[in-house]
Amino acid sequence: MGKIIAIANQKGGVGKTTTSVNLAASLGVLEKKVLLIDADPQANASSGLGIDVENVEIGTYQILEHSNTPAEAIISCSAPNVWVIPAHIDLVAIEIELVDKENREYMLKQALESIKDQYDYILIDCAPSLGLLTLNALTAADSVVIPIQCEYFALEGLGKLLNTIKSVQKIHNPNLDIEGLLLTMYDSRLRLSNQVVEEVQKHFNDMVFKTIIQRNVKLSEAPSFGESIINFDATSRGATNYLSLAQEIIKKNSN
C-alpha cells in the first residue's frame, strides 16, 4: 500500500519544491512507483518536471473540489516511474471555496482513497502556508518531511508548524508521523550553516535525516529545463544527496 508523505513548511524558500521533485525522481530511479501531487498554487513542482502549467485542465483544484477523480488528473512527466497531479494558478481560489464545505479538511484524503494502493509513494508538495491546502495534505498524509534551510532564521516558525502537526494529529489524523527534518542549502564553508546543523541535531536527535542537502548550482538550474536533478545531472552533488535521502526513506519504511 502506498505511503503518503507531505513535504511541508510554512516558510517559503526552504527547498520544499526542490525536495518534492528530486525525492520523487530519486525514488523513481530506485524503481519505486511514485505519484507527486502539486498542492501549491505556484505550480513549481509541475513545471519543474516539464509540465506546461498554463494548459492544465484537470489538476489538484478539481481533485479537492471532487469534480474529477485523481485518475483523470494524473499525467506522466520527464522523470521515470513518476506521475504527477499538476497544479494551476486557479488553486489559489480553493481555500475560499472549501471554507463552507463540510469535512473540508478531508477532501484530499477522500479523493486519494481510490488510488493510494497503486503507488509505492505519494508525495505532496505543500504551499508555503498553514492554510486549508496544507491542512488537507497533512490530514491525507501518513507522514511529513520538514525541510529546514541552514540559515539564521531556520528554526523560526518551526514551533508553529510542529504545533499545527500536533493539532492535526489530535483532531484530524492521529496516525500522522514526522518522517524527518531535512536540512537543506547547507554550505560547509559557513560557520552559520554548521551551527544550524548542530542546533537542529541537538534539539531533535533522531527526527533529523542523516542526509543533508548541500548548496548546489545544478539544483537551482534543473527546474528551468523542466527536469529533476537526476535527469539534468546525475553526477552532481545534488543528485547524490537526493538519492541518499530516497534510500534513507526506503530503508526506514522497510523496517
C-alpha atoms as a PDB file:
ATOM      1  CA  MET A   1       0.000   0.000   0.000  1.00  0.00           C
ATOM      2  CA  GLY A   2       1.311   3.451  -0.914  1.00  0.00           C
ATOM      3  CA  LYS A   3       2.767   5.676   1.759  1.00  0.00           C
ATOM      4  CA  ILE A   4       1.600   9.289   1.555  1.00  0.00           C
ATOM      5  CA  ILE A   5       4.272  11.829   2.529  1.00  0.00           C
ATOM      6  CA  ALA A   6       3.572  15.571   2.743  1.00  0.00           C
ATOM      7  CA  ILE A   7       6.529  17.923   2.297  1.00  0.00           C
ATOM      8  CA  ALA A   8       5.648  20.960   4.375  1.00  0.00           C
ATOM      9  CA  ASN A   9       6.974  24.132   5.958  1.00  0.00           C
ATOM     10  CA  GLN A  10       5.076  27.424   6.048  1.00  0.00           C
ATOM     11  CA  LYS A  11       8.339  29.285   5.432  1.00  0.00           C
ATOM     12  CA  GLY A  12       8.981  29.936   1.747  1.00  0.00           C
ATOM     13  CA  GLY A  13      12.319  29.255   0.064  1.00  0.00           C
ATOM     14  CA  VAL A  14      13.413  26.358   2.264  1.00  0.00           C
ATOM     15  CA  GLY A  15      13.584  23.771  -0.520  1.00  0.00           C
ATOM     16  CA  LYS A  16      10.099  22.183  -0.348  1.00  0.00           C
ATOM     17  CA  THR A  17       9.517  22.003  -4.089  1.00  0.00           C
ATOM     18  CA  THR A  18      13.154  21.114  -4.844  1.00  0.00           C
ATOM     19  CA  THR A  19      12.798  18.268  -2.353  1.00  0.00           C
ATOM     20  CA  SER A  20       9.398  17.135  -3.686  1.00  0.00           C
ATOM     21  CA  VAL A  21      10.598  16.976  -7.303  1.00  0.00           C
ATOM     22  CA  ASN A  22      14.002  15.435  -6.664  1.00  0.00           C
ATOM     23  CA  LEU A  23      12.905  12.988  -3.982  1.00  0.00           C
ATOM     24  CA  ALA A  24      10.141  11.788  -6.337  1.00  0.00           C
ATOM     25  CA  ALA A  25      12.662  11.380  -9.177  1.00  0.00           C
ATOM     26  CA  SER A  26      15.171   9.611  -6.905  1.00  0.00           C
ATOM     27  CA  LEU A  27      12.548   7.158  -5.638  1.00  0.00           C
ATOM     28  CA  GLY A  28      11.565   6.574  -9.277  1.00  0.00           C
ATOM     29  CA  VAL A  29      15.157   5.792 -10.262  1.00  0.00           C
ATOM     30  CA  LEU A  30      15.283   3.334  -7.349  1.00  0.00           C
ATOM     31  CA  GLU A  31      12.357   1.542  -9.036  1.00  0.00           C
ATOM     32  CA  LYS A  32       9.590   2.776  -6.791  1.00  0.00           C
ATOM     33  CA  LYS A  33       6.300   3.841  -8.372  1.00  0.00           C
ATOM     34  CA  VAL A  34       5.712   7.457  -7.327  1.00  0.00           C
ATOM     35  CA  LEU A  35       2.860   9.954  -7.594  1.00  0.00           C
ATOM     36  CA  LEU A  36       3.689  13.613  -6.945  1.00  0.00           C
ATOM     37  CA  ILE A  37       0.758  15.865  -6.058  1.00  0.00           C
ATOM     38  CA  ASP A  38       1.360  19.571  -6.589  1.00  0.00           C
ATOM     39  CA  ALA A  39      -0.654  21.310  -3.847  1.00  0.00           C
ATOM     40  CA  ASP A  40       0.967  24.725  -4.272  1.00  0.00           C
ATOM     41  CA  PRO A  41      -0.783  27.356  -6.467  1.00  0.00           C
ATOM     42  CA  GLN A  42       2.651  28.442  -7.750  1.00  0.00           C
ATOM     43  CA  ALA A  43       2.749  25.054  -9.546  1.00  0.00           C
ATOM     44  CA  ASN A  44       6.559  24.936  -9.473  1.00  0.00           C
ATOM     45  CA  ALA A  45       6.675  21.178  -8.873  1.00  0.00           C
ATOM     46  CA  SER A  46       4.625  20.684 -12.054  1.00  0.00           C
ATOM     47  CA  SER A  47       6.739  22.994 -14.229  1.00  0.00           C
ATOM     48  CA  GLY A  48       9.914  21.588 -12.633  1.00  0.00           C
ATOM     49  CA  LEU A  49       9.052  18.231 -14.186  1.00  0.00           C
ATOM     50  CA  GLY A  50       8.395  19.629 -17.645  1.00  0.00           C
ATOM     51  CA  ILE A  51       4.613  20.105 -17.412  1.00  0.00           C
ATOM     52  CA  ASP A  52       3.079  23.105 -19.177  1.00  0.00           C
ATOM     53  CA  VAL A  53       1.048  24.507 -16.272  1.00  0.00           C
ATOM     54  CA  GLU A  54      -0.806  27.022 -18.447  1.00  0.00           C
ATOM     55  CA  ASN A  55      -2.592  24.155 -20.170  1.00  0.00           C
ATOM     56  CA  VAL A  56      -3.505  22.084 -17.125  1.00  0.00           C
ATOM     57  CA  GLU A  57      -7.228  21.340 -17.376  1.00  0.00           C
ATOM     58  CA  ILE A  58      -7.600  18.810 -14.574  1.00  0.00           C
ATOM     59  CA  GLY A  59      -5.365  19.084 -11.535  1.00  0.00           C
ATOM     60  CA  THR A  60      -5.262  19.389  -7.755  1.00  0.00           C
ATOM     61  CA  TYR A  61      -8.039  22.026  -7.772  1.00  0.00           C
ATOM     62  CA  GLN A  62     -10.538  19.654  -9.424  1.00  0.00           C
ATOM     63  CA  ILE A  63      -9.483  16.797  -7.121  1.00  0.00           C
ATOM     64  CA  LEU A  64     -10.129  18.899  -3.995  1.00  0.00           C
ATOM     65  CA  GLU A  65     -13.446  20.068  -5.411  1.00  0.00           C
ATOM     66  CA  HIS A  66     -14.312  16.448  -6.211  1.00  0.00           C
ATOM     67  CA  SER A  67     -15.369  17.500  -9.720  1.00  0.00           C
ATOM     68  CA  ASN A  68     -12.821  14.999 -11.161  1.00  0.00           C
ATOM     69  CA  THR A  69     -11.200  11.825  -9.870  1.00  0.00           C
ATOM     70  CA  PRO A  70      -7.434  11.627  -9.253  1.00  0.00           C
ATOM     71  CA  ALA A  71      -7.190   9.037 -12.048  1.00  0.00           C
ATOM     72  CA  GLU A  72      -8.439  11.686 -14.514  1.00  0.00           C
ATOM     73  CA  ALA A  73      -5.828  14.211 -13.340  1.00  0.00           C
ATOM     74  CA  ILE A  74      -2.702  12.019 -13.368  1.00  0.00           C
ATOM     75  CA  ILE A  75      -0.194  12.725 -16.139  1.00  0.00           C
ATOM     76  CA  SER A  76       3.277  11.425 -16.925  1.00  0.00           C
ATOM     77  CA  CYS A  77       6.359  13.642 -16.695  1.00  0.00           C
ATOM     78  CA  SER A  78      10.060  13.750 -17.567  1.00  0.00           C
ATOM     79  CA  ALA A  79      11.101  11.526 -14.613  1.00  0.00           C
ATOM     80  CA  PRO A  80      10.915   7.716 -14.953  1.00  0.00           C
ATOM     81  CA  ASN A  81       8.390   5.898 -12.703  1.00  0.00           C
ATOM     82  CA  VAL A  82       6.949   9.261 -11.605  1.00  0.00           C
ATOM     83  CA  TRP A  83       3.431  10.536 -12.320  1.00  0.00           C
ATOM     84  CA  VAL A  84       2.032  13.950 -11.397  1.00  0.00           C
ATOM     85  CA  ILE A  85      -1.266  15.506 -10.382  1.00  0.00           C
ATOM     86  CA  PRO A  86      -0.381  19.046 -11.511  1.00  0.00           C
ATOM     87  CA  ALA A  87      -1.419  22.413 -10.099  1.00  0.00           C
ATOM     88  CA  HIS A  88      -2.608  25.576 -11.798  1.00  0.00           C
ATOM     89  CA  ILE A  89      -2.878  29.136 -10.518  1.00  0.00           C
ATOM     90  CA  ASP A  90      -6.649  28.537 -10.017  1.00  0.00           C
ATOM     91  CA  LEU A  91      -5.691  26.550  -6.907  1.00  0.00           C
ATOM     92  CA  VAL A  92      -5.452  29.924  -5.132  1.00  0.00           C
ATOM     93  CA  ALA A  93      -9.268  30.019  -5.003  1.00  0.00           C
ATOM     94  CA  ILE A  94      -9.704  26.640  -3.332  1.00  0.00           C
ATOM     95  CA  GLU A  95      -9.192  27.929   0.228  1.00  0.00           C
ATOM     96  CA  ILE A  96     -12.168  30.286  -0.173  1.00  0.00           C
ATOM     97  CA  GLU A  97     -14.319  27.707  -1.946  1.00  0.00           C
ATOM     98  CA  LEU A  98     -13.758  24.978   0.638  1.00  0.00           C
ATOM     99  CA  VAL A  99     -14.444  27.215   3.634  1.00  0.00           C
ATOM    100  CA  ASP A 100     -18.185  26.441   3.811  1.00  0.00           C
ATOM    101  CA  LYS A 101     -17.888  22.759   2.940  1.00  0.00           C
ATOM    102  CA  GLU A 102     -18.466  20.047   5.475  1.00  0.00           C
ATOM    103  CA  ASN A 103     -15.349  17.952   6.238  1.00  0.00           C
ATOM    104  CA  ARG A 104     -13.301  20.477   4.266  1.00  0.00           C
ATOM    105  CA  GLU A 105     -10.025  19.207   5.785  1.00  0.00           C
ATOM    106  CA  TYR A 106     -10.695  15.693   4.421  1.00  0.00           C
ATOM    107  CA  MET A 107     -11.222  16.495   0.707  1.00  0.00           C
ATOM    108  CA  LEU A 108      -7.782  15.296  -0.398  1.00  0.00           C
ATOM    109  CA  LYS A 109      -7.829  12.250   1.886  1.00  0.00           C
ATOM    110  CA  GLN A 110     -11.178  11.131   0.447  1.00  0.00           C
ATOM    111  CA  ALA A 111     -10.004  11.703  -3.129  1.00  0.00           C
ATOM    112  CA  LEU A 112      -6.816   9.650  -2.685  1.00  0.00           C
ATOM    113  CA  GLU A 113      -8.583   6.575  -1.264  1.00  0.00           C
ATOM    114  CA  SER A 114      -9.268   5.323  -4.796  1.00  0.00           C
ATOM    115  CA  ILE A 115      -5.630   5.356  -5.974  1.00  0.00           C
ATOM    116  CA  LYS A 116      -3.294   5.107  -2.999  1.00  0.00           C
ATOM    117  CA  ASP A 117      -2.743   1.354  -3.445  1.00  0.00           C
ATOM    118  CA  GLN A 118      -1.416   1.898  -6.972  1.00  0.00           C
ATOM    119  CA  TYR A 119       1.826   3.615  -5.862  1.00  0.00           C
ATOM    120  CA  ASP A 120       4.720   2.884  -3.514  1.00  0.00           C
ATOM    121  CA  TYR A 121       4.946   6.551  -2.501  1.00  0.00           C
ATOM    122  CA  ILE A 122       2.633   9.528  -2.919  1.00  0.00           C
ATOM    123  CA  LEU A 123       4.407  12.840  -2.258  1.00  0.00           C
ATOM    124  CA  ILE A 124       2.504  16.094  -1.689  1.00  0.00           C
ATOM    125  CA  ASP A 125       4.296  19.379  -2.344  1.00  0.00           C
ATOM    126  CA  CYS A 126       2.598  21.806   0.079  1.00  0.00           C
ATOM    127  CA  ALA A 127       2.100  25.551  -0.279  1.00  0.00           C
ATOM    128  CA  PRO A 128       4.227  27.842   1.954  1.00  0.00           C
ATOM    129  CA  SER A 129       1.371  28.486   4.400  1.00  0.00           C
ATOM    130  CA  LEU A 130      -0.598  26.699   7.086  1.00  0.00           C
ATOM    131  CA  GLY A 131      -3.944  27.227   5.320  1.00  0.00           C
ATOM    132  CA  LEU A 132      -6.589  24.750   4.203  1.00  0.00           C
ATOM    133  CA  LEU A 133      -4.439  23.354   1.385  1.00  0.00           C
ATOM    134  CA  THR A 134      -1.653  22.330   3.756  1.00  0.00           C
ATOM    135  CA  LEU A 135      -4.230  21.104   6.294  1.00  0.00           C
ATOM    136  CA  ASN A 136      -5.726  18.839   3.613  1.00  0.00           C
ATOM    137  CA  ALA A 137      -2.264  17.489   2.810  1.00  0.00           C
ATOM    138  CA  LEU A 138      -1.461  16.777   6.483  1.00  0.00           C
ATOM    139  CA  THR A 139      -4.840  15.119   7.023  1.00  0.00           C
ATOM    140  CA  ALA A 140      -4.309  12.871   3.989  1.00  0.00           C
ATOM    141  CA  ALA A 141      -0.660  12.036   4.770  1.00  0.00           C
ATOM    142  CA  ASP A 142       0.886   9.175   6.711  1.00  0.00           C
ATOM    143  CA  SER A 143       3.927  11.304   7.494  1.00  0.00           C
ATOM    144  CA  VAL A 144       5.548  14.664   6.866  1.00  0.00           C
ATOM    145  CA  VAL A 145       9.031  15.697   5.732  1.00  0.00           C
ATOM    146  CA  ILE A 146      10.011  19.158   7.021  1.00  0.00           C
ATOM    147  CA  PRO A 147      12.772  20.890   5.020  1.00  0.00           C
ATOM    148  CA  ILE A 148      14.812  23.327   7.137  1.00  0.00           C
ATOM    149  CA  GLN A 149      17.165  25.770   5.481  1.00  0.00           C
ATOM    150  CA  CYS A 150      20.618  26.081   7.091  1.00  0.00           C
ATOM    151  CA  GLU A 151      20.161  29.814   7.649  1.00  0.00           C
ATOM    152  CA  TYR A 152      19.897  32.187  10.609  1.00  0.00           C
ATOM    153  CA  PHE A 153      16.087  32.056  10.884  1.00  0.00           C
ATOM    154  CA  ALA A 154      15.920  28.282  10.300  1.00  0.00           C
ATOM    155  CA  LEU A 155      14.121  27.422  13.500  1.00  0.00           C
ATOM    156  CA  GLU A 156      11.811  30.412  13.356  1.00  0.00           C
ATOM    157  CA  GLY A 157       8.323  29.157  12.613  1.00  0.00           C
ATOM    158  CA  LEU A 158       9.274  25.515  13.174  1.00  0.00           C
ATOM    159  CA  GLY A 159       7.477  25.559  16.547  1.00  0.00           C
ATOM    160  CA  LYS A 160       4.351  26.853  14.810  1.00  0.00           C
ATOM    161  CA  LEU A 161       4.494  24.060  12.238  1.00  0.00           C
ATOM    162  CA  LEU A 162       5.050  21.401  14.914  1.00  0.00           C
ATOM    163  CA  ASN A 163       2.038  22.779  16.822  1.00  0.00           C
ATOM    164  CA  THR A 164      -0.058  22.572  13.648  1.00  0.00           C
ATOM    165  CA  ILE A 165       1.066  18.962  13.175  1.00  0.00           C
ATOM    166  CA  LYS A 166       0.123  18.219  16.806  1.00  0.00           C
ATOM    167  CA  SER A 167      -3.357  19.680  16.372  1.00  0.00           C
ATOM    168  CA  VAL A 168      -3.830  17.745  13.081  1.00  0.00           C
ATOM    169  CA  GLN A 169      -2.821  14.578  14.969  1.00  0.00           C
ATOM    170  CA  LYS A 170      -5.299  15.397  17.731  1.00  0.00           C
ATOM    171  CA  ILE A 171      -8.271  16.403  15.567  1.00  0.00           C
ATOM    172  CA  HIS A 172      -7.969  15.004  12.042  1.00  0.00           C
ATOM    173  CA  ASN A 173      -5.221  12.422  11.658  1.00  0.00           C
ATOM    174  CA  PRO A 174      -3.966  10.570  14.757  1.00  0.00           C
ATOM    175  CA  ASN A 175      -1.671   8.409  12.600  1.00  0.00           C
ATOM    176  CA  LEU A 176       0.370  11.317  11.192  1.00  0.00           C
ATOM    177  CA  ASP A 177       4.097  10.818  11.842  1.00  0.00           C
ATOM    178  CA  ILE A 178       7.070  13.074  11.281  1.00  0.00           C
ATOM    179  CA  GLU A 179       9.103  11.268   8.618  1.00  0.00           C
ATOM    180  CA  GLY A 180      12.019  13.543   9.376  1.00  0.00           C
ATOM    181  CA  LEU A 181      13.534  17.026   9.421  1.00  0.00           C
ATOM    182  CA  LEU A 182      15.626  17.622   6.324  1.00  0.00           C
ATOM    183  CA  LEU A 183      18.478  20.142   6.436  1.00  0.00           C
ATOM    184  CA  THR A 184      18.751  21.944   3.077  1.00  0.00           C
ATOM    185  CA  MET A 185      21.008  24.545   1.406  1.00  0.00           C
ATOM    186  CA  TYR A 186      23.955  23.521   3.570  1.00  0.00           C
ATOM    187  CA  ASP A 187      27.320  25.150   2.885  1.00  0.00           C
ATOM    188  CA  SER A 188      30.138  23.506   4.868  1.00  0.00           C
ATOM    189  CA  ARG A 189      32.319  26.636   4.481  1.00  0.00           C
ATOM    190  CA  LEU A 190      29.905  28.759   6.501  1.00  0.00           C
ATOM    191  CA  ARG A 191      30.129  28.702  10.269  1.00  0.00           C
ATOM    192  CA  LEU A 192      26.438  29.587  10.454  1.00  0.00           C
ATOM    193  CA  SER A 193      25.456  26.522   8.391  1.00  0.00           C
ATOM    194  CA  ASN A 194      27.402  24.280  10.753  1.00  0.00           C
ATOM    195  CA  GLN A 195      25.837  25.955  13.803  1.00  0.00           C
ATOM    196  CA  VAL A 196      22.305  25.397  12.432  1.00  0.00           C
ATOM    197  CA  VAL A 197      23.076  21.706  11.771  1.00  0.00           C
ATOM    198  CA  GLU A 198      24.404  21.278  15.327  1.00  0.00           C
ATOM    199  CA  GLU A 199      21.436  23.115  16.833  1.00  0.00           C
ATOM    200  CA  VAL A 200      18.809  21.116  14.922  1.00  0.00           C
ATOM    201  CA  GLN A 201      20.534  17.783  15.604  1.00  0.00           C
ATOM    202  CA  LYS A 202      20.902  18.643  19.301  1.00  0.00           C
ATOM    203  CA  HIS A 203      17.209  19.575  19.682  1.00  0.00           C
ATOM    204  CA  PHE A 204      15.637  16.897  17.510  1.00  0.00           C
ATOM    205  CA  ASN A 205      18.117  13.977  17.541  1.00  0.00           C
ATOM    206  CA  ASP A 206      16.687  11.006  15.635  1.00  0.00           C
ATOM    207  CA  MET A 207      14.000  13.111  13.962  1.00  0.00           C
ATOM    208  CA  VAL A 208      16.677  14.615  11.688  1.00  0.00           C
ATOM    209  CA  PHE A 209      17.590  12.822   8.450  1.00  0.00           C
ATOM    210  CA  LYS A 210      21.244  11.780   8.231  1.00  0.00           C
ATOM    211  CA  THR A 211      21.281  13.069   4.651  1.00  0.00           C
ATOM    212  CA  ILE A 212      21.934  16.809   4.376  1.00  0.00           C
ATOM    213  CA  ILE A 213      21.141  18.612   1.106  1.00  0.00           C
ATOM    214  CA  GLN A 214      24.122  20.772   0.168  1.00  0.00           C
ATOM    215  CA  ARG A 215      24.013  24.017  -1.779  1.00  0.00           C
ATOM    216  CA  ASN A 216      24.383  23.113  -5.436  1.00  0.00           C
ATOM    217  CA  VAL A 217      24.110  25.336  -8.521  1.00  0.00           C
ATOM    218  CA  LYS A 218      22.829  22.431 -10.634  1.00  0.00           C
ATOM    219  CA  LEU A 219      19.869  22.006  -8.251  1.00  0.00           C
ATOM    220  CA  SER A 220      18.693  25.535  -8.987  1.00  0.00           C
ATOM    221  CA  GLU A 221      19.352  25.221 -12.747  1.00  0.00           C
ATOM    222  CA  ALA A 222      17.449  21.948 -13.292  1.00  0.00           C
ATOM    223  CA  PRO A 223      13.842  23.304 -12.935  1.00  0.00           C
ATOM    224  CA  SER A 224      14.353  25.824 -15.748  1.00  0.00           C
ATOM    225  CA  PHE A 225      14.934  22.840 -18.053  1.00  0.00           C
ATOM    226  CA  GLY A 226      11.817  21.077 -16.719  1.00  0.00           C
ATOM    227  CA  GLU A 227      13.919  18.256 -15.331  1.00  0.00           C
ATOM    228  CA  SER A 228      14.771  16.739 -11.973  1.00  0.00           C
ATOM    229  CA  ILE A 229      18.412  16.847 -10.856  1.00  0.00           C
ATOM    230  CA  ILE A 230      18.653  13.113 -11.671  1.00  0.00           C
ATOM    231  CA  ASN A 231      17.793  13.760 -15.342  1.00  0.00           C
ATOM    232  CA  PHE A 232      19.672  17.046 -15.515  1.00  0.00           C
ATOM    233  CA  ASP A 233      22.994  15.986 -13.998  1.00  0.00           C
ATOM    234  CA  ALA A 234      23.100  12.563 -12.346  1.00  0.00           C
ATOM    235  CA  THR A 235      26.721  13.082 -11.262  1.00  0.00           C
ATOM    236  CA  SER A 236      26.072  16.339  -9.381  1.00  0.00           C
ATOM    237  CA  ARG A 237      26.228  16.689  -5.629  1.00  0.00           C
ATOM    238  CA  GLY A 238      22.502  17.490  -5.589  1.00  0.00           C
ATOM    239  CA  ALA A 239      21.665  14.187  -7.320  1.00  0.00           C
ATOM    240  CA  THR A 240      23.866  12.255  -4.876  1.00  0.00           C
ATOM    241  CA  ASN A 241      22.192  13.968  -1.903  1.00  0.00           C
ATOM    242  CA  TYR A 242      18.630  13.261  -3.051  1.00  0.00           C
ATOM    243  CA  LEU A 243      19.412   9.636  -3.963  1.00  0.00           C
ATOM    244  CA  SER A 244      20.840   9.240  -0.470  1.00  0.00           C
ATOM    245  CA  LEU A 245      17.637  10.737   1.026  1.00  0.00           C
ATOM    246  CA  ALA A 246      15.471   8.388  -1.067  1.00  0.00           C
ATOM    247  CA  GLN A 247      17.497   5.392   0.138  1.00  0.00           C
ATOM    248  CA  GLU A 248      17.172   6.577   3.738  1.00  0.00           C
ATOM    249  CA  ILE A 249      13.364   6.826   3.388  1.00  0.00           C
ATOM    250  CA  ILE A 250      13.074   3.413   1.685  1.00  0.00           C
ATOM    251  CA  LYS A 251      15.211   1.834   4.411  1.00  0.00           C
ATOM    252  CA  LYS A 252      13.199   3.500   7.170  1.00  0.00           C
ATOM    253  CA  ASN A 253       9.932   2.251   5.683  1.00  0.00           C
ATOM    254  CA  SER A 254      11.062  -1.312   5.064  1.00  0.00           C
ATOM    255  CA  ASN A 255      11.802  -1.980   8.747  1.00  0.00           C
END
